[in-house]
Protein backbone atom coordinates (compact mmCIF):
# COMPACT_ATOMS: atom_id res chain seq x y z
CA MET A 1 -108.86 -30.21 -133.98
CA LEU A 2 -108.81 -27.05 -132.10
CA ARG A 3 -108.96 -27.54 -128.15
CA ALA A 4 -110.64 -25.01 -125.97
CA ILE A 5 -108.79 -23.96 -122.81
CA HIS A 6 -110.07 -23.61 -120.05
CA LEU A 7 -108.33 -21.12 -117.32
CA PRO A 8 -109.87 -20.16 -113.76
CA VAL A 9 -110.96 -16.57 -113.74
CA ARG A 10 -108.30 -15.71 -111.40
CA SER A 11 -105.15 -16.83 -113.57
CA VAL A 12 -106.75 -14.93 -116.45
CA PHE A 13 -107.47 -11.62 -114.31
CA HIS A 14 -104.02 -11.68 -112.52
CA GLY A 15 -102.46 -11.86 -115.69
CA LEU A 16 -104.62 -8.57 -117.07
CA ARG A 17 -103.42 -6.89 -113.69
CA ARG A 18 -99.75 -7.09 -114.82
CA PHE A 19 -100.91 -5.67 -118.28
CA ALA A 20 -99.73 -2.36 -119.11
CA PRO A 21 -102.44 0.15 -119.86
CA THR A 22 -99.94 1.15 -122.65
CA ARG A 23 -100.26 -1.96 -124.47
CA ILE A 24 -103.98 -2.16 -124.24
CA LEU A 25 -103.71 1.14 -125.49
CA ALA A 26 -101.62 0.41 -128.58
CA LEU A 27 -103.39 -2.65 -129.38
CA ARG A 28 -106.77 -0.78 -129.89
CA ARG A 29 -104.61 1.51 -131.83
CA THR A 30 -103.21 -1.11 -134.06
CA ARG A 31 -106.49 -2.69 -134.71
CA ALA A 32 -108.22 0.64 -135.31
CA ARG A 33 -105.89 1.50 -138.18
CA LEU A 34 -106.16 -2.32 -139.26
CA ALA A 35 -109.57 -1.83 -139.82
CA GLN A 36 -108.83 1.45 -142.40
CA LEU A 37 -105.79 -0.21 -144.66
CA GLU A 38 -107.20 -0.20 -148.40
CA ASP A 39 -107.14 -3.83 -149.66
CA HIS A 40 -104.25 -3.82 -151.60
CA LEU A 41 -102.37 -3.38 -148.53
CA LEU A 42 -104.35 -6.02 -146.55
CA LYS A 43 -103.57 -8.49 -149.47
CA ASP A 44 -99.89 -7.32 -149.02
CA ILE A 45 -100.10 -8.81 -145.16
CA GLY A 46 -102.25 -11.81 -145.88
CA LEU A 47 -105.63 -10.67 -144.80
CA THR A 48 -109.17 -10.61 -146.04
CA ARG A 49 -111.01 -7.39 -145.10
CA GLU A 50 -113.24 -9.64 -143.46
CA GLU A 51 -110.37 -11.25 -141.11
CA ALA A 52 -109.30 -7.47 -140.50
CA ALA A 53 -112.73 -6.61 -139.81
CA ARG A 54 -113.24 -9.28 -137.34
CA GLU A 55 -109.77 -8.66 -135.84
CA ALA A 56 -110.77 -4.77 -135.55
CA ALA A 57 -114.07 -5.70 -133.71
CA ARG A 58 -111.84 -7.61 -130.88
CA SER A 59 -111.94 -5.93 -127.22
CA SER A 60 -109.03 -4.45 -126.17
CA TRP A 61 -108.48 -6.88 -123.40
CA ASP A 62 -108.40 -9.49 -125.48
CA ALA A 63 -104.70 -9.44 -126.37
CA PRO A 64 -102.49 -12.28 -127.32
CA ARG A 65 -101.27 -14.69 -124.88
CA HIS A 66 -97.94 -14.09 -124.72
CA TRP A 67 -98.67 -10.11 -123.71
CA LEU A 68 -100.05 -11.81 -120.56
CA GLN A 69 -96.83 -12.84 -119.47
């Protein structure tokens, strides 16, 4: 069962302040390239077209938690 993690808004934005703009740009580029991969390449990395599209549609600031530390 998954649980929602509730963080105070202040702690989230504090992490974003330290988040390097170059990482945001790199994440945007990576997600854009993921959306352009051909189906056989997505299969190689274990993703479906729908999963890749969903990941590519995420906001640039919606980064993995470990990037914020």
